[in-house]
Amino acid sequence: MLINILAAAGDAAAPATEFGFVQALEEGGPVAWAILTIMIIMSVGSFYILITKFMEQKKILNQYKAVRQGFWRANTLSEGAGKLEKNSAWRQLVDDSLKAQAEHDKMPNSLEAHDWLHGSLGRSEDSITSKLNGGLSFLATVGATAPFVGLLGTVIGIYRALINIGMSGSASIDKVAGPVGEALIMTAIGLLVAVPAVFAYNWLQARNKKIGELMSAFSTDLQAYITSNGAVKPAVTVAAAKPAAAAAKPATTTGGVPPKKA
C-alpha cells in the first residue's frame, strides 16, 4: 500500500509531457511556422481560384444559352451582337468576326481572305481560353509542391526532435515516438492542401475544354455565315424554322389540289 502511494506521488510530481499541433510547431521552430504559413496561403489561394473560376465558367455557359436562343435569329451579325451581353466571350467572338469581315472583303484572293478570317477567329478564341486558364497554373503548382513542402516541415521537425533527444541523453520510446509523431503532422497538412488543388485543377480544366469546344463550334458557324454572305446558318436554327414554314403552307386535299374557297 505504501509503495503504491509513493509511486502515485512520484507520477504526480513528474512533469506531464504534452503532445499536439502547437507543440509540433514549437518543436520545429521558426521554419515550421514559416512552412505552415506558406501552406495556408496555398490553401486559401486554391479555394479562391476554384470559386472565382467556377463562377466565371458558369457565367459563360449561361450566356451561351442566349446565343442558342436568339443570336442566329437576327438578320445580321451586328443585330445579333446587340442581343449578347457586353464584355462577354461570345460578344468578343462576334465583334472580332465583324472586324475580320471588314478586312476579309478587302482581299482579292479568296483563299487568303479565308485564311485571314480563320486566323482572326482563332486568335480571338485563344485570348478567351488564356483568360479562362488564368490561375490554373497556381493550382497545378500547389498540387505538385504542397506534399513536399509539408515533408520539409516533417524532416525539420524530426531533426530538431532528435537533437533535443540526444541532448537530453534519453532514447526511450516515449521520448522518441512523441516528437517524431508530431513532426508527421506537417506531411498530413501538405497532403490536405495538395489533394483539393489537384481535384480543382482537373475539374476546371474539363469545364474549360467544354467551353473551348462550344467556342470552336460558334467560330465555325460565324465563319460559314460570313463567307456565304448569310446563306449558311447553324442547323439548329434551320430545324427550328421548319415547323413555322410547314404551318404557313396552305392545306391541300389528296392529289395536291388546294381546296376551293367558300
C-alpha atoms as a PDB file:
ATOM      1  CA  MET A   1       0.000   0.000   0.000  1.00  0.00           C
ATOM      2  CA  LEU A   2       2.781   2.385   0.911  1.00  0.00           C
ATOM      3  CA  ILE A   3       4.596   1.530  -2.311  1.00  0.00           C
ATOM      4  CA  ASN A   4       1.540   2.408  -4.364  1.00  0.00           C
ATOM      5  CA  ILE A   5       1.138   5.729  -2.593  1.00  0.00           C
ATOM      6  CA  LEU A   6       4.797   6.608  -3.188  1.00  0.00           C
ATOM      7  CA  ALA A   7       4.522   5.633  -6.876  1.00  0.00           C
ATOM      8  CA  ALA A   8       1.430   7.798  -7.320  1.00  0.00           C
ATOM      9  CA  ALA A   9       3.165  10.713  -5.628  1.00  0.00           C
ATOM     10  CA  GLY A  10       6.139  10.269  -7.926  1.00  0.00           C
ATOM     11  CA  ASP A  11       3.915  10.269 -11.010  1.00  0.00           C
ATOM     12  CA  ALA A  12       2.181  13.412  -9.821  1.00  0.00           C
ATOM     13  CA  ALA A  13       5.473  15.149  -9.221  1.00  0.00           C
ATOM     14  CA  ALA A  14       6.840  14.232 -12.679  1.00  0.00           C
ATOM     15  CA  PRO A  15       6.145  16.874 -15.340  1.00  0.00           C
ATOM     16  CA  ALA A  16       3.496  15.779 -17.860  1.00  0.00           C
ATOM     17  CA  THR A  17       4.674  15.626 -21.448  1.00  0.00           C
ATOM     18  CA  GLU A  18       2.283  17.397 -23.819  1.00  0.00           C
ATOM     19  CA  PHE A  19       1.896  16.483 -27.458  1.00  0.00           C
ATOM     20  CA  GLY A  20      -0.114  18.249 -30.120  1.00  0.00           C
ATOM     21  CA  PHE A  21      -0.095  20.505 -33.141  1.00  0.00           C
ATOM     22  CA  VAL A  22       1.188  23.588 -31.335  1.00  0.00           C
ATOM     23  CA  GLN A  23       3.903  21.560 -29.667  1.00  0.00           C
ATOM     24  CA  ALA A  24       4.959  20.234 -33.077  1.00  0.00           C
ATOM     25  CA  LEU A  25       5.287  23.784 -34.402  1.00  0.00           C
ATOM     26  CA  GLU A  26       7.266  24.808 -31.354  1.00  0.00           C
ATOM     27  CA  GLU A  27       9.491  21.792 -31.843  1.00  0.00           C
ATOM     28  CA  GLY A  28      10.087  22.791 -35.479  1.00  0.00           C
ATOM     29  CA  GLY A  29      10.836  26.393 -34.593  1.00  0.00           C
ATOM     30  CA  PRO A  30      10.507  29.397 -36.956  1.00  0.00           C
ATOM     31  CA  VAL A  31      10.968  27.189 -40.015  1.00  0.00           C
ATOM     32  CA  ALA A  32       7.898  25.123 -39.100  1.00  0.00           C
ATOM     33  CA  TRP A  33       5.822  28.281 -38.597  1.00  0.00           C
ATOM     34  CA  ALA A  34       7.019  29.647 -41.946  1.00  0.00           C
ATOM     35  CA  ILE A  35       6.118  26.391 -43.727  1.00  0.00           C
ATOM     36  CA  LEU A  36       2.674  26.387 -42.110  1.00  0.00           C
ATOM     37  CA  THR A  37       2.119  29.976 -43.284  1.00  0.00           C
ATOM     38  CA  ILE A  38       3.101  29.018 -46.826  1.00  0.00           C
ATOM     39  CA  MET A  39       0.660  26.106 -46.862  1.00  0.00           C
ATOM     40  CA  ILE A  40      -2.139  28.289 -45.504  1.00  0.00           C
ATOM     41  CA  ILE A  41      -1.511  30.750 -48.349  1.00  0.00           C
ATOM     42  CA  MET A  42      -1.554  27.856 -50.826  1.00  0.00           C
ATOM     43  CA  SER A  43      -4.839  26.531 -49.463  1.00  0.00           C
ATOM     44  CA  VAL A  44      -6.598  29.903 -49.386  1.00  0.00           C
ATOM     45  CA  GLY A  45      -5.351  30.731 -52.886  1.00  0.00           C
ATOM     46  CA  SER A  46      -6.528  27.366 -54.228  1.00  0.00           C
ATOM     47  CA  PHE A  47     -10.062  27.755 -52.914  1.00  0.00           C
ATOM     48  CA  TYR A  48     -10.200  31.371 -54.118  1.00  0.00           C
ATOM     49  CA  ILE A  49      -9.248  30.346 -57.648  1.00  0.00           C
ATOM     50  CA  LEU A  50     -11.686  27.426 -57.536  1.00  0.00           C
ATOM     51  CA  ILE A  51     -14.627  29.650 -56.594  1.00  0.00           C
ATOM     52  CA  THR A  52     -13.838  32.553 -58.934  1.00  0.00           C
ATOM     53  CA  LYS A  53     -13.132  30.322 -61.932  1.00  0.00           C
ATOM     54  CA  PHE A  54     -16.270  28.299 -61.340  1.00  0.00           C
ATOM     55  CA  MET A  55     -18.380  31.467 -61.291  1.00  0.00           C
ATOM     56  CA  GLU A  56     -16.666  32.710 -64.460  1.00  0.00           C
ATOM     57  CA  GLN A  57     -17.279  29.429 -66.273  1.00  0.00           C
ATOM     58  CA  LYS A  58     -20.886  29.291 -65.102  1.00  0.00           C
ATOM     59  CA  LYS A  59     -21.468  32.805 -66.441  1.00  0.00           C
ATOM     60  CA  ILE A  60     -20.049  31.917 -69.867  1.00  0.00           C
ATOM     61  CA  LEU A  61     -22.160  28.750 -70.097  1.00  0.00           C
ATOM     62  CA  ASN A  62     -25.306  30.674 -69.145  1.00  0.00           C
ATOM     63  CA  GLN A  63     -24.507  33.305 -71.783  1.00  0.00           C
ATOM     64  CA  TYR A  64     -24.272  30.551 -74.376  1.00  0.00           C
ATOM     65  CA  LYS A  65     -27.981  29.893 -73.880  1.00  0.00           C
ATOM     66  CA  ALA A  66     -28.674  33.391 -75.214  1.00  0.00           C
ATOM     67  CA  VAL A  67     -26.524  32.573 -78.249  1.00  0.00           C
ATOM     68  CA  ARG A  68     -28.539  29.449 -78.976  1.00  0.00           C
ATOM     69  CA  GLN A  69     -31.924  31.081 -78.406  1.00  0.00           C
ATOM     70  CA  GLY A  70     -31.688  34.472 -80.047  1.00  0.00           C
ATOM     71  CA  PHE A  71     -28.434  35.239 -81.793  1.00  0.00           C
ATOM     72  CA  TRP A  72     -28.952  33.307 -85.015  1.00  0.00           C
ATOM     73  CA  ARG A  73     -32.499  34.601 -85.393  1.00  0.00           C
ATOM     74  CA  ALA A  74     -31.089  38.062 -86.144  1.00  0.00           C
ATOM     75  CA  ASN A  75     -30.839  39.231 -89.755  1.00  0.00           C
ATOM     76  CA  THR A  76     -27.216  40.392 -89.472  1.00  0.00           C
ATOM     77  CA  LEU A  77     -24.249  39.767 -87.210  1.00  0.00           C
ATOM     78  CA  SER A  78     -24.399  43.341 -85.950  1.00  0.00           C
ATOM     79  CA  GLU A  79     -28.022  42.889 -84.956  1.00  0.00           C
ATOM     80  CA  GLY A  80     -27.217  39.576 -83.292  1.00  0.00           C
ATOM     81  CA  ALA A  81     -24.325  41.129 -81.388  1.00  0.00           C
ATOM     82  CA  GLY A  82     -26.755  43.583 -79.806  1.00  0.00           C
ATOM     83  CA  LYS A  83     -28.575  40.650 -78.205  1.00  0.00           C
ATOM     84  CA  LEU A  84     -25.445  39.453 -76.411  1.00  0.00           C
ATOM     85  CA  GLU A  85     -24.033  40.786 -73.153  1.00  0.00           C
ATOM     86  CA  LYS A  86     -21.220  43.291 -73.474  1.00  0.00           C
ATOM     87  CA  ASN A  87     -17.743  42.133 -72.478  1.00  0.00           C
ATOM     88  CA  SER A  88     -18.821  38.504 -72.782  1.00  0.00           C
ATOM     89  CA  ALA A  89     -16.768  35.834 -74.530  1.00  0.00           C
ATOM     90  CA  TRP A  90     -19.435  35.317 -77.202  1.00  0.00           C
ATOM     91  CA  ARG A  91     -19.753  39.048 -77.854  1.00  0.00           C
ATOM     92  CA  GLN A  92     -15.961  39.232 -78.257  1.00  0.00           C
ATOM     93  CA  LEU A  93     -16.044  36.486 -80.886  1.00  0.00           C
ATOM     94  CA  VAL A  94     -18.793  38.270 -82.814  1.00  0.00           C
ATOM     95  CA  ASP A  95     -17.049  41.658 -82.629  1.00  0.00           C
ATOM     96  CA  ASP A  96     -13.768  40.142 -83.789  1.00  0.00           C
ATOM     97  CA  SER A  97     -15.562  38.368 -86.634  1.00  0.00           C
ATOM     98  CA  LEU A  98     -17.120  41.675 -87.758  1.00  0.00           C
ATOM     99  CA  LYS A  99     -13.674  43.289 -87.790  1.00  0.00           C
ATOM    100  CA  ALA A 100     -12.289  40.335 -89.704  1.00  0.00           C
ATOM    101  CA  GLN A 101     -15.184  40.544 -92.160  1.00  0.00           C
ATOM    102  CA  ALA A 102     -14.296  44.151 -92.957  1.00  0.00           C
ATOM    103  CA  GLU A 103     -10.722  43.115 -93.745  1.00  0.00           C
ATOM    104  CA  HIS A 104     -11.916  39.963 -95.487  1.00  0.00           C
ATOM    105  CA  ASP A 105     -13.854  41.955 -98.102  1.00  0.00           C
ATOM    106  CA  LYS A 106     -10.729  43.959 -98.971  1.00  0.00           C
ATOM    107  CA  MET A 107      -8.714  40.920-100.006  1.00  0.00           C
ATOM    108  CA  PRO A 108      -8.964  39.972-103.692  1.00  0.00           C
ATOM    109  CA  ASN A 109      -7.663  36.456-103.165  1.00  0.00           C
ATOM    110  CA  SER A 110     -10.445  34.315-101.721  1.00  0.00           C
ATOM    111  CA  LEU A 111      -8.049  31.752-100.258  1.00  0.00           C
ATOM    112  CA  GLU A 112      -6.035  34.371 -98.411  1.00  0.00           C
ATOM    113  CA  ALA A 113      -9.242  36.006 -97.226  1.00  0.00           C
ATOM    114  CA  HIS A 114     -10.467  32.686 -95.845  1.00  0.00           C
ATOM    115  CA  ASP A 115      -7.166  32.106 -94.015  1.00  0.00           C
ATOM    116  CA  TRP A 116      -7.289  35.623 -92.600  1.00  0.00           C
ATOM    117  CA  LEU A 117     -10.800  35.126 -91.281  1.00  0.00           C
ATOM    118  CA  HIS A 118      -9.952  31.729 -89.818  1.00  0.00           C
ATOM    119  CA  GLY A 119      -6.813  33.078 -88.148  1.00  0.00           C
ATOM    120  CA  SER A 120      -8.629  36.097 -86.696  1.00  0.00           C
ATOM    121  CA  LEU A 121     -11.279  33.937 -85.067  1.00  0.00           C
ATOM    122  CA  GLY A 122      -8.581  31.556 -83.849  1.00  0.00           C
ATOM    123  CA  ARG A 123      -6.733  34.413 -82.149  1.00  0.00           C
ATOM    124  CA  SER A 124      -9.952  35.541 -80.511  1.00  0.00           C
ATOM    125  CA  GLU A 125     -10.573  32.020 -79.169  1.00  0.00           C
ATOM    126  CA  ASP A 126      -7.012  31.785 -77.877  1.00  0.00           C
ATOM    127  CA  SER A 127      -7.313  35.063 -75.969  1.00  0.00           C
ATOM    128  CA  ILE A 128     -10.523  33.890 -74.278  1.00  0.00           C
ATOM    129  CA  THR A 129      -9.024  30.490 -73.469  1.00  0.00           C
ATOM    130  CA  SER A 130      -5.968  32.192 -71.987  1.00  0.00           C
ATOM    131  CA  LYS A 131      -8.194  34.192 -69.629  1.00  0.00           C
ATOM    132  CA  LEU A 132     -10.097  31.068 -68.612  1.00  0.00           C
ATOM    133  CA  ASN A 133      -6.865  29.218 -67.861  1.00  0.00           C
ATOM    134  CA  GLY A 134      -5.521  32.070 -65.765  1.00  0.00           C
ATOM    135  CA  GLY A 135      -4.806  30.879 -62.229  1.00  0.00           C
ATOM    136  CA  LEU A 136      -4.939  27.179 -63.046  1.00  0.00           C
ATOM    137  CA  SER A 137      -1.151  27.033 -63.099  1.00  0.00           C
ATOM    138  CA  PHE A 138      -1.244  28.036 -59.427  1.00  0.00           C
ATOM    139  CA  LEU A 139      -3.476  25.046 -58.674  1.00  0.00           C
ATOM    140  CA  ALA A 140      -1.113  22.755 -60.557  1.00  0.00           C
ATOM    141  CA  THR A 141       1.859  24.161 -58.652  1.00  0.00           C
ATOM    142  CA  VAL A 142       0.127  23.710 -55.294  1.00  0.00           C
ATOM    143  CA  GLY A 143      -0.873  20.149 -56.132  1.00  0.00           C
ATOM    144  CA  ALA A 144       2.675  19.276 -57.139  1.00  0.00           C
ATOM    145  CA  THR A 145       4.650  21.026 -54.382  1.00  0.00           C
ATOM    146  CA  ALA A 146       2.440  21.093 -51.257  1.00  0.00           C
ATOM    147  CA  PRO A 147       3.280  17.477 -50.223  1.00  0.00           C
ATOM    148  CA  PHE A 148       6.996  18.234 -50.489  1.00  0.00           C
ATOM    149  CA  VAL A 149       6.632  21.468 -48.526  1.00  0.00           C
ATOM    150  CA  GLY A 150       4.887  19.505 -45.786  1.00  0.00           C
ATOM    151  CA  LEU A 151       7.582  16.838 -45.975  1.00  0.00           C
ATOM    152  CA  LEU A 152      10.211  19.526 -45.491  1.00  0.00           C
ATOM    153  CA  GLY A 153       8.444  20.582 -42.293  1.00  0.00           C
ATOM    154  CA  THR A 154       8.393  16.963 -41.162  1.00  0.00           C
ATOM    155  CA  VAL A 155      12.113  16.499 -41.831  1.00  0.00           C
ATOM    156  CA  ILE A 156      12.999  19.656 -39.938  1.00  0.00           C
ATOM    157  CA  GLY A 157      10.705  18.692 -37.047  1.00  0.00           C
ATOM    158  CA  ILE A 158      12.243  15.219 -36.778  1.00  0.00           C
ATOM    159  CA  TYR A 159      15.737  16.672 -36.977  1.00  0.00           C
ATOM    160  CA  ARG A 160      15.108  19.109 -34.130  1.00  0.00           C
ATOM    161  CA  ALA A 161      13.357  16.412 -32.072  1.00  0.00           C
ATOM    162  CA  LEU A 162      16.284  14.041 -32.432  1.00  0.00           C
ATOM    163  CA  ILE A 163      18.733  16.775 -31.496  1.00  0.00           C
ATOM    164  CA  ASN A 164      16.758  17.521 -28.338  1.00  0.00           C
ATOM    165  CA  ILE A 165      16.542  13.806 -27.501  1.00  0.00           C
ATOM    166  CA  GLY A 166      20.277  13.436 -27.978  1.00  0.00           C
ATOM    167  CA  MET A 167      20.979  16.407 -25.724  1.00  0.00           C
ATOM    168  CA  SER A 168      18.713  15.003 -23.000  1.00  0.00           C
ATOM    169  CA  GLY A 169      20.523  11.656 -23.132  1.00  0.00           C
ATOM    170  CA  SER A 170      17.293   9.628 -23.135  1.00  0.00           C
ATOM    171  CA  ALA A 171      16.365   7.379 -26.069  1.00  0.00           C
ATOM    172  CA  SER A 172      13.325   5.634 -24.618  1.00  0.00           C
ATOM    173  CA  ILE A 173      10.306   5.058 -26.824  1.00  0.00           C
ATOM    174  CA  ASP A 174       8.235   7.704 -25.058  1.00  0.00           C
ATOM    175  CA  LYS A 175      10.932  10.286 -25.720  1.00  0.00           C
ATOM    176  CA  VAL A 176      11.229   9.390 -29.427  1.00  0.00           C
ATOM    177  CA  ALA A 177       7.713   8.491 -30.567  1.00  0.00           C
ATOM    178  CA  GLY A 178       6.060  11.703 -29.382  1.00  0.00           C
ATOM    179  CA  PRO A 179       8.251  14.288 -31.160  1.00  0.00           C
ATOM    180  CA  VAL A 180       8.557  12.173 -34.304  1.00  0.00           C
ATOM    181  CA  GLY A 181       4.786  11.670 -34.427  1.00  0.00           C
ATOM    182  CA  GLU A 182       4.247  15.412 -34.022  1.00  0.00           C
ATOM    183  CA  ALA A 183       6.556  16.122 -36.948  1.00  0.00           C
ATOM    184  CA  LEU A 184       4.437  13.936 -39.248  1.00  0.00           C
ATOM    185  CA  ILE A 185       1.571  16.402 -38.855  1.00  0.00           C
ATOM    186  CA  MET A 186       3.259  18.695 -41.387  1.00  0.00           C
ATOM    187  CA  THR A 187       3.188  15.988 -44.046  1.00  0.00           C
ATOM    188  CA  ALA A 188      -0.523  15.430 -43.389  1.00  0.00           C
ATOM    189  CA  ILE A 189      -1.186  19.162 -43.798  1.00  0.00           C
ATOM    190  CA  GLY A 190       0.724  19.155 -47.084  1.00  0.00           C
ATOM    191  CA  LEU A 191      -1.478  16.360 -48.401  1.00  0.00           C
ATOM    192  CA  LEU A 192      -4.650  18.117 -47.241  1.00  0.00           C
ATOM    193  CA  VAL A 193      -3.571  21.190 -49.209  1.00  0.00           C
ATOM    194  CA  ALA A 194      -2.472  19.309 -52.335  1.00  0.00           C
ATOM    195  CA  VAL A 195      -5.406  16.934 -52.873  1.00  0.00           C
ATOM    196  CA  PRO A 196      -8.161  19.618 -53.214  1.00  0.00           C
ATOM    197  CA  ALA A 197      -5.907  21.642 -55.516  1.00  0.00           C
ATOM    198  CA  VAL A 198      -5.417  18.672 -57.846  1.00  0.00           C
ATOM    199  CA  PHE A 199      -9.133  17.884 -57.935  1.00  0.00           C
ATOM    200  CA  ALA A 200      -9.967  21.554 -58.589  1.00  0.00           C
ATOM    201  CA  TYR A 201      -7.398  21.783 -61.389  1.00  0.00           C
ATOM    202  CA  ASN A 202      -8.703  18.717 -63.229  1.00  0.00           C
ATOM    203  CA  TRP A 203     -12.348  19.726 -62.807  1.00  0.00           C
ATOM    204  CA  LEU A 204     -11.822  23.291 -64.028  1.00  0.00           C
ATOM    205  CA  GLN A 205      -9.732  22.060 -66.950  1.00  0.00           C
ATOM    206  CA  ALA A 206     -12.547  19.731 -68.018  1.00  0.00           C
ATOM    207  CA  ARG A 207     -15.049  22.597 -67.912  1.00  0.00           C
ATOM    208  CA  ASN A 208     -12.666  24.830 -69.877  1.00  0.00           C
ATOM    209  CA  LYS A 209     -12.385  22.102 -72.504  1.00  0.00           C
ATOM    210  CA  LYS A 210     -16.168  22.025 -72.836  1.00  0.00           C
ATOM    211  CA  ILE A 211     -16.289  25.820 -73.224  1.00  0.00           C
ATOM    212  CA  GLY A 212     -13.492  25.636 -75.795  1.00  0.00           C
ATOM    213  CA  GLU A 213     -15.483  23.145 -77.859  1.00  0.00           C
ATOM    214  CA  LEU A 214     -18.532  25.426 -77.788  1.00  0.00           C
ATOM    215  CA  MET A 215     -16.443  28.429 -78.844  1.00  0.00           C
ATOM    216  CA  SER A 216     -14.840  26.465 -81.669  1.00  0.00           C
ATOM    217  CA  ALA A 217     -18.258  25.429 -82.981  1.00  0.00           C
ATOM    218  CA  PHE A 218     -19.536  29.010 -82.696  1.00  0.00           C
ATOM    219  CA  SER A 219     -16.484  30.345 -84.545  1.00  0.00           C
ATOM    220  CA  THR A 220     -17.039  27.820 -87.325  1.00  0.00           C
ATOM    221  CA  ASP A 221     -20.659  28.947 -87.664  1.00  0.00           C
ATOM    222  CA  LEU A 222     -19.577  32.586 -87.784  1.00  0.00           C
ATOM    223  CA  GLN A 223     -17.015  31.837 -90.471  1.00  0.00           C
ATOM    224  CA  ALA A 224     -19.551  29.922 -92.560  1.00  0.00           C
ATOM    225  CA  TYR A 225     -22.073  32.738 -92.169  1.00  0.00           C
ATOM    226  CA  ILE A 226     -19.585  35.398 -93.290  1.00  0.00           C
ATOM    227  CA  THR A 227     -18.116  33.513 -96.244  1.00  0.00           C
ATOM    228  CA  SER A 228     -21.597  32.575 -97.513  1.00  0.00           C
ATOM    229  CA  ASN A 229     -22.959  36.111 -97.063  1.00  0.00           C
ATOM    230  CA  GLY A 230     -25.545  34.912 -94.571  1.00  0.00           C
ATOM    231  CA  ALA A 231     -26.761  31.914 -96.545  1.00  0.00           C
ATOM    232  CA  VAL A 232     -25.348  29.317 -94.122  1.00  0.00           C
ATOM    233  CA  LYS A 233     -26.617  29.222 -90.540  1.00  0.00           C
ATOM    234  CA  PRO A 234     -26.457  26.575 -87.809  1.00  0.00           C
ATOM    235  CA  ALA A 235     -28.662  23.544 -88.350  1.00  0.00           C
ATOM    236  CA  VAL A 236     -30.449  24.208 -85.063  1.00  0.00           C
ATOM    237  CA  THR A 237     -31.916  27.450 -86.382  1.00  0.00           C
ATOM    238  CA  VAL A 238     -32.911  25.861 -89.681  1.00  0.00           C
ATOM    239  CA  ALA A 239     -34.613  22.961 -87.899  1.00  0.00           C
ATOM    240  CA  ALA A 240     -36.499  25.377 -85.675  1.00  0.00           C
ATOM    241  CA  ALA A 241     -37.718  27.294 -88.700  1.00  0.00           C
ATOM    242  CA  LYS A 242     -39.169  24.229 -90.462  1.00  0.00           C
ATOM    243  CA  PRO A 243     -42.294  23.877 -88.279  1.00  0.00           C
ATOM    244  CA  ALA A 244     -43.130  27.534 -88.870  1.00  0.00           C
ATOM    245  CA  ALA A 245     -42.724  27.090 -92.624  1.00  0.00           C
ATOM    246  CA  ALA A 246     -44.915  23.996 -92.561  1.00  0.00           C
ATOM    247  CA  ALA A 247     -47.616  25.858 -90.641  1.00  0.00           C
ATOM    248  CA  ALA A 248     -47.591  28.679 -93.179  1.00  0.00           C
ATOM    249  CA  LYS A 249     -48.008  26.280 -96.118  1.00  0.00           C
ATOM    250  CA  PRO A 250     -51.672  26.105 -97.351  1.00  0.00           C
ATOM    251  CA  ALA A 251     -53.521  22.853 -96.734  1.00  0.00           C
ATOM    252  CA  THR A 252     -54.139  20.636 -99.766  1.00  0.00           C
ATOM    253  CA  THR A 253     -56.528  17.809-100.497  1.00  0.00           C
ATOM    254  CA  THR A 254     -55.475  14.384-101.706  1.00  0.00           C
ATOM    255  CA  GLY A 255     -53.853  14.777-105.073  1.00  0.00           C
ATOM    256  CA  GLY A 256     -52.226  18.083-104.301  1.00  0.00           C
ATOM    257  CA  VAL A 257     -55.178  20.295-105.321  1.00  0.00           C
ATOM    258  CA  PRO A 258     -55.838  23.154-102.892  1.00  0.00           C
ATOM    259  CA  PRO A 259     -59.399  23.318-101.502  1.00  0.00           C
ATOM    260  CA  LYS A 260     -61.818  25.714-103.060  1.00  0.00           C
ATOM    261  CA  LYS A 261     -62.596  28.932-101.231  1.00  0.00           C
ATOM    262  CA  ALA A 262     -66.110  29.291 -99.841  1.00  0.00           C
END
